[in-house]
N, C-alpha and C. Protein backbone atom coordinates (compact mmCIF):
# COMPACT_ATOMS: atom_id res chain seq x y z
N MET A 1 15.01 30.45 -56.72
CA MET A 1 15.36 29.19 -56.10
C MET A 1 15.82 29.41 -54.66
N ASN A 2 16.53 30.44 -54.41
CA ASN A 2 17.01 30.77 -53.08
C ASN A 2 15.84 31.02 -52.13
N ARG A 3 14.81 31.67 -52.67
CA ARG A 3 13.62 31.96 -51.88
C ARG A 3 12.88 30.67 -51.51
N THR A 4 12.76 29.74 -52.44
CA THR A 4 12.10 28.46 -52.20
C THR A 4 12.89 27.65 -51.18
N TYR A 5 14.18 27.69 -51.30
CA TYR A 5 15.05 26.97 -50.36
C TYR A 5 14.87 27.49 -48.93
N GLN A 6 14.82 28.81 -48.78
CA GLN A 6 14.63 29.41 -47.45
C GLN A 6 13.26 29.06 -46.88
N ARG A 7 12.27 29.07 -47.75
CA ARG A 7 10.91 28.75 -47.30
C ARG A 7 10.83 27.29 -46.83
N ASN A 8 11.41 26.37 -47.57
CA ASN A 8 11.42 24.95 -47.19
C ASN A 8 12.19 24.74 -45.88
N ARG A 9 13.27 25.46 -45.74
CA ARG A 9 14.07 25.35 -44.52
C ARG A 9 13.27 25.84 -43.31
N GLU A 10 12.54 26.93 -43.50
CA GLU A 10 11.69 27.47 -42.42
C GLU A 10 10.58 26.49 -42.07
N LEU A 11 9.99 25.87 -43.07
CA LEU A 11 8.93 24.88 -42.82
C LEU A 11 9.49 23.67 -42.07
N CYS A 12 10.71 23.25 -42.39
CA CYS A 12 11.35 22.13 -41.68
C CYS A 12 11.59 22.48 -40.22
N ARG A 13 12.03 23.70 -39.96
CA ARG A 13 12.24 24.13 -38.57
C ARG A 13 10.93 24.10 -37.79
N ILE A 14 9.87 24.61 -38.40
CA ILE A 14 8.56 24.63 -37.74
C ILE A 14 8.07 23.20 -37.50
N ALA A 15 8.26 22.33 -38.49
CA ALA A 15 7.84 20.93 -38.34
C ALA A 15 8.63 20.24 -37.23
N ASN A 16 9.94 20.49 -37.18
CA ASN A 16 10.78 19.91 -36.12
C ASN A 16 10.34 20.39 -34.75
N LEU A 17 10.06 21.69 -34.65
CA LEU A 17 9.59 22.25 -33.38
C LEU A 17 8.27 21.60 -32.96
N PHE A 18 7.37 21.41 -33.93
CA PHE A 18 6.09 20.78 -33.65
C PHE A 18 6.28 19.34 -33.15
N VAL A 19 7.18 18.59 -33.79
CA VAL A 19 7.44 17.20 -33.39
C VAL A 19 8.03 17.15 -31.98
N ILE A 20 8.97 18.03 -31.69
CA ILE A 20 9.58 18.07 -30.35
C ILE A 20 8.53 18.39 -29.30
N CYS A 21 7.67 19.37 -29.57
CA CYS A 21 6.60 19.71 -28.61
C CYS A 21 5.66 18.53 -28.40
N ALA A 22 5.31 17.84 -29.48
CA ALA A 22 4.41 16.69 -29.36
C ALA A 22 5.05 15.58 -28.53
N LEU A 23 6.34 15.33 -28.75
CA LEU A 23 7.04 14.31 -27.96
C LEU A 23 7.09 14.69 -26.48
N LEU A 24 7.41 15.93 -26.20
CA LEU A 24 7.46 16.38 -24.80
C LEU A 24 6.10 16.26 -24.13
N MET A 25 5.04 16.63 -24.85
CA MET A 25 3.70 16.51 -24.28
C MET A 25 3.36 15.04 -24.03
N GLY A 26 3.79 14.17 -24.92
CA GLY A 26 3.55 12.73 -24.73
C GLY A 26 4.27 12.19 -23.52
N ILE A 27 5.52 12.62 -23.33
CA ILE A 27 6.30 12.17 -22.17
C ILE A 27 5.67 12.67 -20.88
N VAL A 28 5.30 13.95 -20.85
CA VAL A 28 4.68 14.51 -19.65
C VAL A 28 3.34 13.84 -19.38
N GLY A 29 2.58 13.55 -20.43
CA GLY A 29 1.30 12.88 -20.26
C GLY A 29 1.44 11.49 -19.70
N CYS A 30 2.45 10.76 -20.15
CA CYS A 30 2.70 9.41 -19.63
C CYS A 30 3.12 9.45 -18.18
N ARG A 31 3.80 10.47 -17.77
CA ARG A 31 4.30 10.59 -16.40
C ARG A 31 3.16 10.59 -15.39
N SER A 32 2.07 11.28 -15.70
CA SER A 32 0.98 11.33 -14.74
C SER A 32 0.27 9.98 -14.61
N VAL A 33 0.29 9.19 -15.68
CA VAL A 33 -0.31 7.87 -15.62
C VAL A 33 0.56 6.92 -14.80
N GLN A 34 1.86 7.08 -14.92
CA GLN A 34 2.80 6.15 -14.28
C GLN A 34 3.36 6.76 -13.00
N ASP A 35 2.64 6.68 -11.91
CA ASP A 35 3.11 7.17 -10.62
C ASP A 35 3.67 6.02 -9.80
N VAL A 36 4.67 5.36 -10.35
CA VAL A 36 5.28 4.22 -9.69
C VAL A 36 6.57 4.68 -9.04
N LYS A 37 6.79 4.26 -7.81
CA LYS A 37 8.02 4.60 -7.10
C LYS A 37 9.17 3.72 -7.61
N GLU A 38 10.35 4.27 -7.52
CA GLU A 38 11.55 3.54 -7.93
C GLU A 38 11.86 2.42 -6.93
N GLN A 39 12.37 1.32 -7.43
CA GLN A 39 12.81 0.23 -6.56
C GLN A 39 14.14 0.61 -5.92
N THR A 40 14.36 0.13 -4.70
CA THR A 40 15.63 0.35 -4.03
C THR A 40 16.51 -0.85 -4.28
N ARG A 41 17.77 -0.61 -4.55
CA ARG A 41 18.72 -1.70 -4.64
C ARG A 41 19.14 -2.05 -3.22
N LEU A 42 18.76 -3.22 -2.76
CA LEU A 42 18.96 -3.65 -1.38
C LEU A 42 20.18 -4.56 -1.29
N ASP A 43 21.05 -4.25 -0.35
CA ASP A 43 22.25 -5.05 -0.12
C ASP A 43 22.32 -5.32 1.38
N LEU A 44 21.94 -6.53 1.80
CA LEU A 44 21.89 -6.88 3.22
C LEU A 44 23.05 -7.82 3.57
N HIS A 45 23.77 -7.46 4.60
CA HIS A 45 24.85 -8.30 5.13
C HIS A 45 24.36 -8.76 6.51
N ILE A 46 23.95 -10.01 6.62
CA ILE A 46 23.35 -10.54 7.85
C ILE A 46 24.36 -11.48 8.49
N GLU A 47 24.68 -11.20 9.74
CA GLU A 47 25.70 -12.01 10.42
C GLU A 47 25.22 -12.40 11.81
N ALA A 48 25.33 -13.69 12.10
CA ALA A 48 25.02 -14.19 13.45
C ALA A 48 26.31 -14.14 14.27
N ALA A 49 26.22 -13.61 15.47
CA ALA A 49 27.38 -13.53 16.35
C ALA A 49 27.85 -14.93 16.74
N ASP A 50 29.08 -15.04 17.14
CA ASP A 50 29.63 -16.33 17.57
C ASP A 50 28.93 -16.86 18.81
N ASN A 51 28.36 -15.96 19.62
CA ASN A 51 27.69 -16.36 20.87
C ASN A 51 26.17 -16.22 20.77
N VAL A 52 25.62 -16.28 19.57
CA VAL A 52 24.19 -16.06 19.36
C VAL A 52 23.34 -17.14 20.02
N ASN A 53 22.18 -16.73 20.53
CA ASN A 53 21.14 -17.65 21.00
C ASN A 53 21.65 -18.70 22.00
N PRO A 54 22.27 -18.29 23.09
CA PRO A 54 22.88 -19.26 24.01
C PRO A 54 21.85 -20.11 24.76
N ASP A 55 22.23 -21.37 25.04
CA ASP A 55 21.38 -22.25 25.86
C ASP A 55 21.69 -22.00 27.34
N GLU A 56 21.16 -22.87 28.21
CA GLU A 56 21.33 -22.70 29.67
C GLU A 56 22.80 -22.75 30.09
N LYS A 57 23.61 -23.45 29.32
CA LYS A 57 25.04 -23.57 29.66
C LYS A 57 25.89 -22.53 28.93
N GLY A 58 25.24 -21.60 28.22
CA GLY A 58 25.96 -20.54 27.53
C GLY A 58 26.50 -20.91 26.16
N ARG A 59 26.13 -22.09 25.65
CA ARG A 59 26.60 -22.52 24.34
C ARG A 59 25.75 -21.88 23.24
N ALA A 60 26.41 -21.37 22.23
CA ALA A 60 25.70 -20.75 21.10
C ALA A 60 24.93 -21.81 20.32
N ALA A 61 23.81 -21.37 19.71
CA ALA A 61 22.97 -22.29 18.95
C ALA A 61 22.45 -21.59 17.69
N PRO A 62 22.07 -22.37 16.67
CA PRO A 62 21.50 -21.76 15.46
C PRO A 62 20.24 -20.96 15.80
N ILE A 63 19.94 -20.00 14.93
CA ILE A 63 18.79 -19.13 15.16
C ILE A 63 18.02 -18.93 13.86
N GLN A 64 16.69 -18.94 13.99
CA GLN A 64 15.83 -18.70 12.84
C GLN A 64 15.69 -17.19 12.65
N VAL A 65 15.85 -16.74 11.40
CA VAL A 65 15.77 -15.31 11.08
C VAL A 65 14.78 -15.11 9.94
N ARG A 66 13.99 -14.05 10.04
CA ARG A 66 13.11 -13.65 8.95
C ARG A 66 13.38 -12.19 8.62
N ILE A 67 13.43 -11.91 7.33
CA ILE A 67 13.59 -10.54 6.84
C ILE A 67 12.31 -10.21 6.08
N TYR A 68 11.69 -9.09 6.42
CA TYR A 68 10.44 -8.67 5.80
C TYR A 68 10.62 -7.35 5.05
N GLU A 69 9.99 -7.25 3.88
CA GLU A 69 9.80 -5.96 3.22
C GLU A 69 8.36 -5.57 3.50
N LEU A 70 8.17 -4.40 4.09
CA LEU A 70 6.85 -3.97 4.54
C LEU A 70 6.47 -2.61 3.96
N LYS A 71 5.15 -2.43 3.72
CA LYS A 71 4.63 -1.11 3.34
C LYS A 71 4.62 -0.20 4.55
N ASN A 72 4.31 -0.78 5.70
CA ASN A 72 4.13 -0.03 6.94
C ASN A 72 4.54 -0.95 8.08
N ASP A 73 5.07 -0.37 9.16
CA ASP A 73 5.55 -1.24 10.24
C ASP A 73 4.60 -1.33 11.44
N ASN A 74 3.42 -0.74 11.36
CA ASN A 74 2.49 -0.74 12.51
C ASN A 74 2.14 -2.14 12.99
N ALA A 75 1.68 -3.00 12.09
CA ALA A 75 1.29 -4.36 12.48
C ALA A 75 2.50 -5.15 12.97
N PHE A 76 3.64 -4.96 12.32
CA PHE A 76 4.86 -5.69 12.69
C PHE A 76 5.32 -5.32 14.10
N THR A 77 5.33 -4.04 14.42
CA THR A 77 5.82 -3.61 15.73
C THR A 77 4.83 -3.86 16.85
N SER A 78 3.55 -4.02 16.52
CA SER A 78 2.57 -4.25 17.59
C SER A 78 2.26 -5.73 17.83
N ALA A 79 2.65 -6.60 16.91
CA ALA A 79 2.35 -8.04 17.06
C ALA A 79 3.34 -8.71 18.01
N ASP A 80 2.88 -9.78 18.66
CA ASP A 80 3.79 -10.56 19.51
C ASP A 80 4.56 -11.56 18.64
N PHE A 81 5.62 -12.10 19.20
CA PHE A 81 6.50 -13.00 18.46
C PHE A 81 5.76 -14.20 17.89
N TYR A 82 4.94 -14.85 18.71
CA TYR A 82 4.30 -16.10 18.28
C TYR A 82 3.28 -15.86 17.17
N SER A 83 2.61 -14.71 17.17
CA SER A 83 1.69 -14.39 16.07
C SER A 83 2.46 -14.25 14.76
N LEU A 84 3.59 -13.56 14.82
CA LEU A 84 4.41 -13.40 13.62
C LEU A 84 5.03 -14.73 13.20
N GLN A 85 5.47 -15.51 14.16
CA GLN A 85 6.10 -16.80 13.88
C GLN A 85 5.12 -17.77 13.21
N ASP A 86 3.91 -17.85 13.75
CA ASP A 86 2.95 -18.85 13.29
C ASP A 86 2.10 -18.40 12.10
N ASN A 87 1.82 -17.10 12.01
CA ASN A 87 0.85 -16.65 11.02
C ASN A 87 1.17 -15.24 10.52
N ASP A 88 2.39 -15.02 10.08
CA ASP A 88 2.81 -13.67 9.70
C ASP A 88 2.00 -13.08 8.55
N LYS A 89 1.60 -13.91 7.58
CA LYS A 89 0.84 -13.38 6.44
C LYS A 89 -0.49 -12.79 6.88
N ALA A 90 -1.18 -13.45 7.78
CA ALA A 90 -2.46 -12.94 8.26
C ALA A 90 -2.27 -11.72 9.17
N VAL A 91 -1.26 -11.77 10.03
CA VAL A 91 -1.01 -10.67 10.97
C VAL A 91 -0.59 -9.40 10.23
N LEU A 92 0.29 -9.54 9.25
CA LEU A 92 0.81 -8.37 8.54
C LEU A 92 -0.09 -7.94 7.39
N GLY A 93 -0.90 -8.85 6.89
CA GLY A 93 -1.88 -8.50 5.85
C GLY A 93 -1.25 -7.87 4.62
N ASN A 94 -1.87 -6.77 4.15
CA ASN A 94 -1.40 -6.09 2.94
C ASN A 94 -0.07 -5.36 3.13
N ASP A 95 0.36 -5.19 4.38
CA ASP A 95 1.65 -4.54 4.62
C ASP A 95 2.83 -5.43 4.24
N LEU A 96 2.62 -6.74 4.20
CA LEU A 96 3.68 -7.68 3.84
C LEU A 96 3.86 -7.73 2.33
N LEU A 97 5.06 -7.41 1.86
CA LEU A 97 5.36 -7.44 0.44
C LEU A 97 6.24 -8.62 0.07
N VAL A 98 7.32 -8.84 0.83
CA VAL A 98 8.27 -9.93 0.57
C VAL A 98 8.81 -10.42 1.90
N SER A 99 9.05 -11.73 2.01
CA SER A 99 9.70 -12.24 3.23
C SER A 99 10.71 -13.32 2.86
N ASP A 100 11.78 -13.36 3.64
CA ASP A 100 12.80 -14.40 3.52
C ASP A 100 12.95 -15.05 4.88
N GLU A 101 13.14 -16.36 4.91
CA GLU A 101 13.33 -17.07 6.17
C GLU A 101 14.50 -18.03 6.02
N PHE A 102 15.36 -18.06 7.03
CA PHE A 102 16.51 -18.96 7.01
C PHE A 102 17.03 -19.16 8.42
N ILE A 103 17.87 -20.17 8.58
CA ILE A 103 18.52 -20.47 9.87
C ILE A 103 19.99 -20.09 9.73
N LEU A 104 20.50 -19.36 10.72
CA LEU A 104 21.92 -19.01 10.75
C LEU A 104 22.61 -19.75 11.88
N ARG A 105 23.74 -20.34 11.60
CA ARG A 105 24.57 -20.95 12.63
C ARG A 105 25.42 -19.86 13.26
N PRO A 106 25.91 -20.05 14.47
CA PRO A 106 26.78 -19.05 15.10
C PRO A 106 27.97 -18.72 14.18
N GLY A 107 28.19 -17.42 13.96
CA GLY A 107 29.28 -16.96 13.11
C GLY A 107 28.99 -16.96 11.62
N GLU A 108 27.84 -17.46 11.22
CA GLU A 108 27.51 -17.55 9.79
C GLU A 108 27.09 -16.18 9.25
N VAL A 109 27.41 -15.96 7.97
CA VAL A 109 27.04 -14.72 7.27
C VAL A 109 26.16 -15.07 6.09
N ARG A 110 25.12 -14.28 5.89
CA ARG A 110 24.23 -14.44 4.73
C ARG A 110 24.15 -13.09 4.03
N ILE A 111 24.27 -13.09 2.71
CA ILE A 111 24.18 -11.88 1.91
C ILE A 111 22.91 -11.97 1.07
N ILE A 112 22.12 -10.90 1.09
CA ILE A 112 20.93 -10.82 0.23
C ILE A 112 21.08 -9.56 -0.61
N ARG A 113 21.02 -9.73 -1.93
CA ARG A 113 21.08 -8.60 -2.86
C ARG A 113 19.90 -8.72 -3.81
N ARG A 114 19.11 -7.66 -3.87
CA ARG A 114 17.97 -7.65 -4.79
C ARG A 114 17.39 -6.25 -4.86
N LYS A 115 16.41 -6.11 -5.74
CA LYS A 115 15.66 -4.86 -5.80
C LYS A 115 14.40 -5.06 -4.97
N THR A 116 14.05 -4.04 -4.22
CA THR A 116 12.87 -4.13 -3.37
C THR A 116 11.60 -3.95 -4.21
N ASN A 117 10.50 -4.28 -3.61
CA ASN A 117 9.20 -3.93 -4.15
C ASN A 117 9.12 -2.40 -4.13
N PRO A 118 8.55 -1.76 -5.15
CA PRO A 118 8.48 -0.29 -5.16
C PRO A 118 7.72 0.30 -3.96
N GLU A 119 6.86 -0.49 -3.34
CA GLU A 119 6.08 0.02 -2.20
C GLU A 119 6.76 -0.18 -0.85
N THR A 120 7.92 -0.82 -0.82
CA THR A 120 8.62 -1.08 0.44
C THR A 120 9.09 0.21 1.08
N THR A 121 8.73 0.40 2.36
CA THR A 121 9.21 1.57 3.13
C THR A 121 9.99 1.14 4.36
N VAL A 122 9.80 -0.13 4.79
CA VAL A 122 10.43 -0.61 6.02
C VAL A 122 10.98 -2.02 5.80
N ILE A 123 12.17 -2.25 6.36
CA ILE A 123 12.73 -3.60 6.43
C ILE A 123 12.54 -4.06 7.87
N GLY A 124 11.89 -5.20 8.06
CA GLY A 124 11.69 -5.76 9.39
C GLY A 124 12.53 -7.01 9.56
N VAL A 125 13.09 -7.18 10.76
CA VAL A 125 13.91 -8.36 11.06
C VAL A 125 13.34 -9.04 12.30
N LEU A 126 13.17 -10.34 12.23
CA LEU A 126 12.64 -11.14 13.33
C LEU A 126 13.63 -12.27 13.60
N ALA A 127 13.99 -12.48 14.86
CA ALA A 127 14.92 -13.56 15.21
C ALA A 127 14.32 -14.40 16.33
N GLY A 128 14.37 -15.72 16.17
CA GLY A 128 13.78 -16.65 17.14
C GLY A 128 14.74 -17.01 18.26
N TYR A 129 14.95 -16.09 19.18
CA TYR A 129 15.83 -16.36 20.32
C TYR A 129 15.18 -17.34 21.29
N ARG A 130 16.00 -18.07 22.05
CA ARG A 130 15.50 -19.00 23.08
C ARG A 130 14.75 -18.26 24.17
N GLY A 131 15.39 -17.31 24.78
CA GLY A 131 14.76 -16.54 25.86
C GLY A 131 14.16 -15.26 25.32
N LEU A 132 12.95 -15.35 24.77
CA LEU A 132 12.33 -14.17 24.14
C LEU A 132 12.17 -13.01 25.12
N ALA A 133 11.82 -13.31 26.36
CA ALA A 133 11.59 -12.25 27.35
C ALA A 133 12.88 -11.47 27.64
N ARG A 134 14.02 -12.10 27.46
CA ARG A 134 15.30 -11.45 27.74
C ARG A 134 16.00 -10.99 26.46
N SER A 135 15.30 -10.99 25.35
CA SER A 135 15.92 -10.69 24.06
C SER A 135 15.16 -9.60 23.31
N GLN A 136 15.89 -8.90 22.48
CA GLN A 136 15.26 -7.98 21.54
C GLN A 136 15.14 -8.75 20.23
N TRP A 137 13.99 -9.35 20.00
CA TRP A 137 13.79 -10.30 18.91
C TRP A 137 13.27 -9.66 17.62
N ARG A 138 13.00 -8.34 17.67
CA ARG A 138 12.44 -7.67 16.50
C ARG A 138 13.17 -6.33 16.30
N GLU A 139 13.40 -5.97 15.03
CA GLU A 139 14.02 -4.68 14.72
C GLU A 139 13.49 -4.21 13.37
N THR A 140 13.38 -2.90 13.20
CA THR A 140 12.95 -2.34 11.92
C THR A 140 13.95 -1.30 11.44
N TYR A 141 13.94 -1.09 10.14
CA TYR A 141 14.76 -0.04 9.53
C TYR A 141 13.92 0.64 8.47
N ARG A 142 13.73 1.95 8.60
CA ARG A 142 12.93 2.71 7.64
C ARG A 142 13.82 3.16 6.48
N LEU A 143 13.40 2.81 5.27
CA LEU A 143 14.13 3.22 4.07
C LEU A 143 13.80 4.67 3.74
N ALA A 144 14.72 5.36 3.09
CA ALA A 144 14.45 6.72 2.62
C ALA A 144 13.36 6.65 1.56
N GLU A 145 12.57 7.71 1.46
CA GLU A 145 11.46 7.72 0.50
C GLU A 145 12.00 7.61 -0.92
N ALA A 146 11.36 6.76 -1.69
CA ALA A 146 11.81 6.51 -3.06
C ALA A 146 11.28 7.59 -4.00
N PRO A 147 12.09 8.01 -4.96
CA PRO A 147 11.60 8.94 -5.98
C PRO A 147 10.74 8.18 -6.98
N TYR A 148 10.03 8.92 -7.83
CA TYR A 148 9.26 8.26 -8.87
C TYR A 148 10.20 7.66 -9.90
N ALA A 149 9.79 6.53 -10.43
CA ALA A 149 10.65 5.77 -11.35
C ALA A 149 10.84 6.51 -12.67
N SER A 150 12.03 6.43 -13.21
CA SER A 150 12.36 6.96 -14.53
C SER A 150 12.87 5.80 -15.37
N TRP A 151 12.71 5.91 -16.67
CA TRP A 151 13.08 4.80 -17.55
C TRP A 151 14.55 4.43 -17.43
N TYR A 152 15.41 5.40 -17.20
CA TYR A 152 16.85 5.12 -17.15
C TYR A 152 17.31 4.59 -15.80
N ARG A 153 16.49 4.60 -14.78
CA ARG A 153 16.88 4.13 -13.45
C ARG A 153 17.07 2.62 -13.39
N GLU A 154 16.60 1.91 -14.39
CA GLU A 154 16.83 0.46 -14.44
C GLU A 154 18.33 0.17 -14.48
N TRP A 155 19.07 1.01 -15.16
CA TRP A 155 20.51 0.81 -15.30
C TRP A 155 21.32 1.66 -14.32
N TRP A 156 20.80 2.82 -13.94
CA TRP A 156 21.50 3.71 -13.01
C TRP A 156 20.58 4.05 -11.86
N PRO A 157 20.43 3.14 -10.91
CA PRO A 157 19.50 3.39 -9.81
C PRO A 157 19.98 4.53 -8.92
N LEU A 158 19.03 5.32 -8.48
CA LEU A 158 19.34 6.44 -7.61
C LEU A 158 19.40 5.97 -6.17
N LYS A 159 18.53 5.04 -5.82
CA LYS A 159 18.35 4.67 -4.43
C LYS A 159 18.97 3.31 -4.13
N LYS A 160 19.86 3.29 -3.15
CA LYS A 160 20.49 2.05 -2.70
C LYS A 160 20.43 2.02 -1.18
N ALA A 161 20.29 0.82 -0.63
CA ALA A 161 20.32 0.65 0.82
C ALA A 161 21.28 -0.50 1.13
N LYS A 162 22.36 -0.18 1.82
CA LYS A 162 23.32 -1.20 2.27
C LYS A 162 23.19 -1.28 3.78
N LEU A 163 22.73 -2.43 4.25
CA LEU A 163 22.49 -2.59 5.68
C LEU A 163 23.30 -3.74 6.25
N ASP A 164 23.82 -3.52 7.44
CA ASP A 164 24.49 -4.57 8.20
C ASP A 164 23.52 -5.00 9.29
N ILE A 165 23.11 -6.25 9.27
CA ILE A 165 22.17 -6.77 10.27
C ILE A 165 22.95 -7.76 11.13
N ASN A 166 23.16 -7.37 12.38
CA ASN A 166 23.91 -8.20 13.31
C ASN A 166 22.93 -8.89 14.24
N ILE A 167 22.88 -10.21 14.16
CA ILE A 167 22.06 -11.01 15.06
C ILE A 167 22.96 -11.35 16.23
N GLY A 168 22.90 -10.53 17.27
CA GLY A 168 23.79 -10.68 18.42
C GLY A 168 23.34 -11.75 19.39
N GLN A 169 24.01 -11.81 20.52
CA GLN A 169 23.72 -12.82 21.53
C GLN A 169 22.25 -12.79 21.93
N ARG A 170 21.72 -11.60 22.20
CA ARG A 170 20.32 -11.49 22.60
C ARG A 170 19.61 -10.28 21.98
N ALA A 171 20.18 -9.70 20.91
CA ALA A 171 19.57 -8.53 20.29
C ALA A 171 19.95 -8.42 18.82
N ILE A 172 19.09 -7.75 18.07
CA ILE A 172 19.32 -7.48 16.66
C ILE A 172 19.74 -6.01 16.53
N VAL A 173 20.79 -5.77 15.76
CA VAL A 173 21.22 -4.39 15.50
C VAL A 173 21.31 -4.20 13.99
N VAL A 174 20.61 -3.18 13.48
CA VAL A 174 20.64 -2.86 12.06
C VAL A 174 21.36 -1.53 11.89
N THR A 175 22.40 -1.53 11.05
CA THR A 175 23.17 -0.31 10.80
C THR A 175 23.30 -0.09 9.30
N GLU A 176 23.20 1.16 8.90
CA GLU A 176 23.38 1.50 7.49
C GLU A 176 24.87 1.61 7.19
N LEU A 177 25.28 1.01 6.07
CA LEU A 177 26.67 1.08 5.63
C LEU A 177 26.78 2.13 4.54
N ASP A 178 27.96 2.70 4.39
CA ASP A 178 28.17 3.71 3.33
C ASP A 178 28.42 3.10 2.00
């Protein structure tokens, strides 16, 4: 009986080892099929300065702002303001993943929190200043390269981007926060 018990125990160990190897091969096999990048947890703090977008008399005025998630920034950085303003979807084409548009009053703060598209590599900011020729109306921020997605990253994301976007009097400044 002792001999039979040892033999059954050995067979169970071999069967367990076989099951573990099969599971590992299945996980590794699925990994090559799923080459999806992890989403970034995006936290944007957008603030219009108290003296934003001044008129001829120096009075601050509301300003139109657009935030873009882009695959690539080539089309965004080479386009003129009016092309982006009037027809951004056609100008940016497949590089455009997500866009938000809103008006900020002087001193107003807007918070955007979400997960990015997995293909997002650049955040683009566009502001409709009165004097475009005297303003820096466009700014970009390149995100760090995303790792490949893992099943547990849904709850414990590796990649986060906290950005402070200051819509100043005549320029946009994007800074990474800790």
